[in-house]
Protein backbone atom coordinates (compact mmCIF):
# COMPACT_ATOMS: atom_id res chain seq x y z
CA MET A 1 258.92 40.78 148.66
CA LYS A 2 255.43 41.99 149.23
CA LEU A 3 256.57 45.61 149.33
CA ARG A 4 258.08 45.11 145.86
CA GLN A 5 254.86 43.43 144.53
CA VAL A 6 252.79 46.33 145.75
CA LEU A 7 255.06 48.80 144.12
CA LEU A 8 254.90 47.10 140.84
CA ILE A 9 251.11 46.99 140.85
CA VAL A 10 250.98 50.75 141.50
CA VAL A 11 253.43 51.40 138.75
CA LEU A 12 251.53 49.37 136.18
CA VAL A 13 248.20 51.03 137.16
CA SER A 14 249.70 54.53 137.16
CA GLY A 15 251.19 53.80 133.66
CA PHE A 16 248.03 52.60 132.15
CA TRP A 17 246.21 55.77 133.54
CA LEU A 18 248.89 58.04 132.29
CA VAL A 19 248.63 56.36 128.73
CA THR A 20 244.84 56.35 128.40
CA THR A 21 244.16 59.85 129.66
CA HIS A 22 247.20 61.79 128.47
CA LEU A 23 247.96 60.09 125.15
CA PRO A 24 250.16 62.30 122.98
CA SER A 25 248.30 63.65 119.91
CA GLY A 26 250.85 62.38 117.68
CA LEU A 27 249.81 58.73 118.59
CA THR A 28 246.19 58.85 117.77
CA HIS A 29 246.80 57.59 114.19
CA LEU A 30 247.95 54.15 115.67
CA ALA A 31 245.45 51.40 115.14
CA LEU A 32 245.72 50.37 118.72
CA PHE A 33 244.36 53.70 119.96
CA ARG A 34 242.29 54.93 117.07
CA GLY A 35 238.96 53.37 118.26
CA HIS A 36 239.34 54.71 121.86
CA ALA A 37 240.54 58.23 121.05
CA ALA A 38 238.45 60.76 122.90
CA GLY A 39 236.40 63.18 120.54
CA SER A 40 236.60 61.05 117.61
CA PRO A 41 234.44 62.62 114.70
CA LEU A 42 230.77 61.09 113.73
CA GLU A 43 230.60 61.28 110.11
CA LEU A 44 226.94 61.55 108.57
CA THR A 45 225.83 61.38 105.05
CA GLU A 46 223.43 64.25 104.21
CA ALA A 47 221.40 65.05 101.23
CA GLN A 48 222.97 67.94 99.18
CA ALA A 49 219.60 69.61 98.39
CA ALA A 50 216.02 69.44 99.52
CA PRO A 51 214.13 66.32 98.06
CA ALA A 52 212.39 66.63 95.05
CA TYR A 53 208.82 65.58 94.70
CA ASP A 54 207.42 63.50 91.66
CA SER A 55 204.45 64.65 89.71
CA GLU A 56 201.98 62.60 91.71
CA GLU A 57 203.29 63.92 95.04
CA GLN A 58 203.13 67.51 93.81
CA ASN A 59 199.61 67.00 92.75
CA ASN A 60 198.77 65.56 96.20
CA ILE A 61 200.29 68.50 97.91
CA ALA A 62 198.50 71.02 95.67
CA VAL A 63 195.22 69.47 96.23
CA TYR A 64 195.56 69.49 99.93
CA LYS A 65 196.84 73.16 100.04
CA ARG A 66 193.99 74.28 97.90
CA VAL A 67 191.03 72.70 99.67
CA LEU A 68 192.22 72.49 103.44
CA PRO A 69 191.10 76.21 104.09
CA SER A 70 187.58 75.23 102.80
CA VAL A 71 187.10 72.07 104.98
CA VAL A 72 185.60 72.56 108.42
CA ASN A 73 185.10 70.58 111.60
CA ILE A 74 181.56 70.54 113.07
CA THR A 75 180.90 69.73 116.74
CA SER A 76 177.21 69.18 117.70
CA THR A 77 176.19 69.20 121.35
CA THR A 78 173.13 67.35 122.68
CA LEU A 79 171.84 67.15 126.36
CA VAL A 80 170.91 63.52 127.29
CA PHE A 81 170.06 61.74 130.55
CA ASN A 82 172.76 59.46 131.89
CA PHE A 83 172.23 56.32 134.14
CA PHE A 84 171.62 58.13 137.31
CA GLU A 85 168.80 60.33 135.39
CA GLY A 86 171.11 63.37 135.20
CA VAL A 87 171.44 65.73 132.32
CA VAL A 88 174.86 65.49 130.68
CA PRO A 89 176.13 67.05 127.43
CA GLN A 90 177.06 64.59 124.58
CA HIS A 91 179.35 65.71 121.68
CA GLY A 92 179.30 64.45 118.17
CA GLN A 93 182.02 65.32 115.49
CA GLY A 94 181.92 65.55 111.66
CA SER A 95 183.19 67.44 108.71
CA GLY A 96 181.75 69.83 106.24
CA PHE A 97 182.94 72.52 103.64
CA VAL A 98 182.36 76.13 102.77
CA LEU A 99 180.14 76.74 99.73
CA ASP A 100 180.31 80.55 99.49
CA LYS A 101 181.71 83.62 101.08
CA ALA A 102 178.34 84.11 102.85
CA GLY A 103 179.27 81.42 105.18
CA HIS A 104 176.96 78.49 104.02
CA VAL A 105 178.49 75.19 105.02
CA LEU A 106 177.27 71.79 103.51
CA THR A 107 177.54 68.65 105.74
CA ASN A 108 175.63 65.52 106.53
CA TYR A 109 172.24 65.51 108.31
CA HIS A 110 173.21 62.97 110.76
CA VAL A 111 176.16 64.98 111.99
CA ILE A 112 173.91 67.57 113.31
CA ASP A 113 170.73 65.63 114.12
CA GLY A 114 169.61 66.12 117.67
CA ALA A 115 171.93 68.95 118.41
CA ASN A 116 169.64 70.88 121.01
CA ARG A 117 172.50 72.76 122.66
CA GLY A 118 174.22 74.37 119.62
CA ILE A 119 176.52 73.64 116.75
CA GLU A 120 180.07 74.76 116.48
CA VAL A 121 182.15 75.04 113.37
CA ALA A 122 185.93 75.11 113.35
CA LEU A 123 188.00 76.39 110.39
CA SER A 124 191.39 75.29 109.50
CA ASN A 125 192.96 78.13 111.22
CA LYS A 126 191.44 76.95 114.54
CA ARG A 127 188.96 79.73 114.77
CA ARG A 128 185.53 78.52 115.86
CA TYR A 129 182.08 80.05 115.07
CA ALA A 130 178.59 79.39 116.15
CA ALA A 131 176.40 77.91 113.42
CA ARG A 132 172.68 78.03 112.62
CA VAL A 133 170.72 75.49 110.62
CA VAL A 134 169.43 76.88 107.29
CA GLY A 135 167.93 73.64 105.96
CA THR A 136 167.92 69.93 106.18
CA ASP A 137 167.25 67.04 103.87
CA LYS A 138 166.73 63.83 105.85
CA ILE A 139 166.10 61.73 102.79
CA HIS A 140 169.38 62.51 101.19
CA ASP A 141 171.21 63.08 104.44
CA LEU A 142 172.01 66.68 103.94
CA ALA A 143 172.21 69.71 106.08
CA LEU A 144 172.92 73.33 105.19
CA LEU A 145 174.53 75.54 107.80
CA GLN A 146 175.71 79.08 108.09
CA ILE A 147 178.30 80.81 109.99
CA ASP A 148 179.40 84.59 110.26
CA ALA A 149 183.10 84.58 109.46
CA PRO A 150 185.50 86.70 107.43
CA ASN A 151 187.78 85.66 104.52
CA LEU A 152 186.10 82.31 103.78
CA GLU A 153 187.41 80.37 100.96
CA PRO A 154 184.64 78.27 99.09
CA VAL A 155 185.19 75.19 97.26
CA THR A 156 184.66 74.55 93.71
CA LEU A 157 181.89 72.11 92.88
CA ALA A 158 182.42 69.71 89.85
CA ASP A 159 179.83 67.71 87.71
CA SER A 160 179.46 64.23 89.16
CA SER A 161 177.57 62.92 86.22
CA GLY A 162 180.78 61.93 84.26
CA LEU A 163 182.49 59.94 86.98
CA ALA A 164 184.31 56.66 86.07
CA VAL A 165 185.38 53.69 87.92
CA GLY A 166 189.07 53.83 88.74
CA GLN A 167 189.17 57.59 88.96
CA LYS A 168 191.52 59.05 91.58
CA VAL A 169 189.75 60.76 94.44
CA TYR A 170 191.01 62.35 97.73
CA ALA A 171 188.92 62.68 101.06
CA ILE A 172 189.57 65.59 103.51
CA GLY A 173 188.13 65.60 107.06
CA ASN A 174 188.18 65.02 110.64
CA PRO A 175 188.45 61.27 111.26
CA PHE A 176 188.54 60.41 114.98
CA GLY A 177 188.94 64.21 115.86
CA LEU A 178 192.11 64.42 113.66
CA ALA A 179 191.64 67.60 111.82
CA GLY A 180 192.96 68.36 108.35
CA THR A 181 193.36 64.53 107.53
CA MET A 182 193.65 63.58 103.77
CA THR A 183 193.45 60.13 102.44
CA ARG A 184 193.59 59.07 98.86
CA GLY A 185 192.00 56.28 96.69
CA ILE A 186 189.97 55.51 93.78
CA ILE A 187 186.31 55.34 92.64
CA SER A 188 185.62 51.58 93.20
CA SER A 189 182.04 51.59 91.95
CA ILE A 190 178.98 53.76 91.40
CA ARG A 191 175.90 52.04 92.79
CA ASP A 192 172.55 52.85 94.46
CA ILE A 193 172.39 52.52 98.27
CA ARG A 194 170.03 53.31 101.12
CA GLY A 195 170.60 56.45 103.02
CA SER A 196 170.48 56.77 106.85
CA GLU A 197 166.67 57.40 106.73
CA GLY A 198 166.25 54.24 104.59
CA SER A 199 165.72 56.31 101.37
CA PRO A 200 167.58 55.48 98.16
CA ILE A 201 170.68 57.47 97.30
CA GLU A 202 171.10 57.15 93.57
CA GLN A 203 174.48 56.75 91.89
CA ALA A 204 176.32 56.82 95.19
CA ILE A 205 180.17 56.82 94.83
CA GLN A 206 181.97 53.88 96.37
CA THR A 207 185.54 54.32 97.08
CA ASP A 208 188.33 52.80 98.93
CA ALA A 209 189.83 56.03 100.31
CA ALA A 210 189.97 55.58 103.88
CA ILE A 211 186.68 57.12 105.41
CA ASN A 212 186.21 56.87 109.19
CA PRO A 213 184.00 58.13 111.85
CA GLY A 214 184.34 61.93 111.79
CA ASN A 215 184.72 62.11 107.85
CA SER A 216 180.97 62.47 107.58
CA GLY A 217 180.12 65.59 105.42
CA GLY A 218 183.64 66.11 104.34
CA PRO A 219 184.36 66.53 100.59
CA LEU A 220 185.26 63.80 98.29
CA LEU A 221 187.66 65.47 95.55
CA ASN A 222 188.80 64.80 92.16
CA SER A 223 192.59 65.08 91.20
CA ARG A 224 191.81 68.88 90.46
CA GLY A 225 190.61 69.60 94.00
CA GLU A 226 186.94 69.83 93.02
CA VAL A 227 184.18 68.46 95.08
CA ILE A 228 182.42 65.44 93.49
CA GLY A 229 180.70 64.12 96.47
CA ILE A 230 179.81 64.13 100.17
CA ASN A 231 181.37 61.51 102.35
CA THR A 232 178.51 59.84 104.37
CA ALA A 233 178.95 56.02 105.10
CA ILE A 234 181.32 53.30 105.49
CA PHE A 235 180.47 49.58 105.15
CA SER A 236 181.99 48.44 108.48
CA ASN A 237 180.48 44.98 109.00
CA GLY A 238 180.62 45.41 112.67
CA ALA A 239 183.95 47.34 112.83
CA ASP A 240 184.45 51.01 113.94
CA GLN A 241 186.79 51.96 111.25
CA SER A 242 187.17 51.89 107.71
CA SER A 243 187.38 48.54 105.99
CA GLY A 244 187.99 50.03 102.42
CA ILE A 245 184.39 50.51 101.27
CA GLY A 246 183.14 54.13 101.68
CA PHE A 247 180.14 55.95 100.13
CA ALA A 248 179.63 59.36 99.21
CA ILE A 249 176.58 61.40 97.97
CA PRO A 250 176.93 62.76 94.55
CA ILE A 251 177.54 66.43 94.43
CA ASN A 252 174.87 66.77 91.78
CA THR A 253 172.15 65.42 94.16
CA ALA A 254 173.13 68.25 96.60
CA LYS A 255 173.06 70.90 93.95
CA ALA A 256 169.44 69.81 92.98
CA VAL A 257 168.23 70.74 96.58
CA LEU A 258 170.41 73.70 97.65
CA SER A 259 168.00 76.15 96.27
CA ASP A 260 165.07 74.81 98.34
CA LEU A 261 167.28 74.49 101.43
CA THR A 262 168.24 78.08 101.26
CA ARG A 263 164.86 79.39 100.31
CA TYR A 264 162.40 77.24 102.29
CA GLY A 265 164.68 75.35 104.93
CA ARG A 266 163.49 72.04 103.42
CA VAL A 267 163.11 70.36 100.02
CA LYS A 268 159.57 70.48 98.47
CA ARG A 269 158.79 67.19 96.92
CA PRO A 270 155.59 66.28 94.82
CA SER A 271 153.19 63.65 96.11
CA LEU A 272 150.59 61.59 94.28
CA GLY A 273 147.15 61.90 95.72
CA ILE A 274 145.88 58.30 95.01
CA ILE A 275 144.93 55.67 97.41
CA SER A 276 143.78 52.10 96.80
CA PHE A 277 140.94 50.17 98.41
CA GLY A 278 139.66 46.65 98.00
CA ILE A 279 136.29 46.04 96.34
CA GLY A 280 133.95 43.75 98.20
CA PRO A 281 130.35 42.79 98.10
CA ASP A 282 129.34 45.80 99.88
CA LEU A 283 131.08 48.36 97.69
CA ALA A 284 129.83 46.23 94.72
CA SER A 285 126.30 46.71 95.85
CA GLN A 286 126.65 50.33 95.86
CA GLY A 287 127.13 50.41 92.23
CA VAL A 288 130.88 49.96 91.71
CA CYS A 289 131.35 48.69 88.14
CA CYS A 290 134.35 48.04 86.09
CA ARG A 291 134.48 48.09 82.33
CA ILE A 292 136.99 47.05 79.78
CA ARG A 293 138.20 49.55 77.22
CA CYS A 294 140.24 48.42 74.26
CA ALA A 295 143.42 50.47 73.95
CA ASP A 296 143.36 49.59 70.19
CA PRO A 297 139.86 49.41 68.66
CA GLU A 298 141.13 47.48 65.63
CA SER A 299 142.51 44.73 67.80
CA CYS A 300 138.89 44.19 69.24
CA ALA A 301 137.45 43.32 65.66
CA GLY A 302 135.72 40.06 65.72
CA GLY A 303 135.47 40.13 69.46
CA ARG A 304 138.93 39.29 69.83
CA CYS A 305 140.38 42.13 72.32
CA ARG A 306 144.36 41.75 72.60
CA THR A 307 145.40 44.73 74.53
CA CYS A 308 142.98 46.13 77.08
CA ARG A 309 142.95 47.99 80.27
CA ILE A 310 140.35 47.98 83.38
CA ALA A 311 139.00 51.19 84.51
CA ARG A 312 137.22 51.27 87.75
CA ARG A 313 134.44 54.01 88.54
CA GLN A 314 134.62 55.46 92.14
CA PRO A 315 131.68 54.79 94.33
CA ALA A 316 129.80 57.59 95.83
CA GLY A 317 131.02 58.80 99.29
CA ILE A 318 134.72 57.77 98.84
CA ARG A 319 136.87 60.73 98.62
CA ARG A 320 140.25 60.98 97.50
CA LYS A 321 143.03 61.36 100.10
CA HIS A 322 146.68 62.35 99.73
CA ALA A 323 149.15 59.44 100.64
CA HIS A 324 152.14 59.99 102.63
CA HIS A 325 155.66 59.03 101.50
CA ALA A 326 156.56 55.62 102.68
CA ARG A 327 160.21 55.32 103.92
CA GLY A 328 162.12 51.92 103.38
CA ARG A 329 164.39 50.20 105.58
CA SER A 330 168.13 50.85 106.05
CA ASP A 331 170.46 48.31 104.82
CA ARG A 332 172.35 46.47 107.51
CA GLY A 333 175.98 46.91 107.43
CA HIS A 334 176.26 50.53 106.46
CA ARG A 335 177.89 52.70 109.35
CA TRP A 336 177.15 56.44 109.14
CA SER A 337 180.60 57.92 109.79
């Protein structure tokens, strides 16, 4: 009896193995075996042609392809002392863009500030060149560099005087070391801000295009791929990344100083040679006097002087001195990217 049971089990197992592994091809259409048949085809749905881009996407792609060869990555090297009083190199990164075929590159001053061991510029084709500083403008946070490289493609500079809130803009740069990154947004506002040196930047371009550390010095572009500003700062409120509020220096501000930077290496600004001093009893005893002159003689008729101004005579021994420019304080909350 036991032998029969064993033989029955062997027959059933052998039959199952035979059916499942040597199923005739003519039986594969049966519903019982359709899901388990070996080599069943996998059917995919594929597009019949390459996807078409809409007009907005086409413009984004055109701007990127046009401007990318003109945007550079800038690495500055500074030797600093570490905790153990040892000298170690410290690297800073930023962005910039080519102005002409002679190799002039415009960027932010704070990108290359303190670089005592050289500045290196990397093009979009990954080639690297040593750069020299042609001129700097700390007040407007601008720096002009120059590299010796062939076949450079300069950008086209726009007129930033006619910008409007709501206008579409693009930012291309090197955020967090990610070369060739483009972001898009609009002009959120046009307002005066304080630069990294505390001096005012008039008509700064505020944008919601993502600007992060490493974007500094890169171009802010209009929808035609023309440079309207130089990305310079973000309002971080303590964060280390974009919070949707970035600022760019108007390109017209840079245009106004490029000639001086190229010729003199700095910007020549006029100063007013006037100082003020208090008049006490000692100065008054030396013959300091004040007199009132009427701006309009007819208004003084009858002893009634309506519009008058005070003119003070300078005492002997007091010489004029040239006053230095006073710099303001930086606004808190601005992070220089």
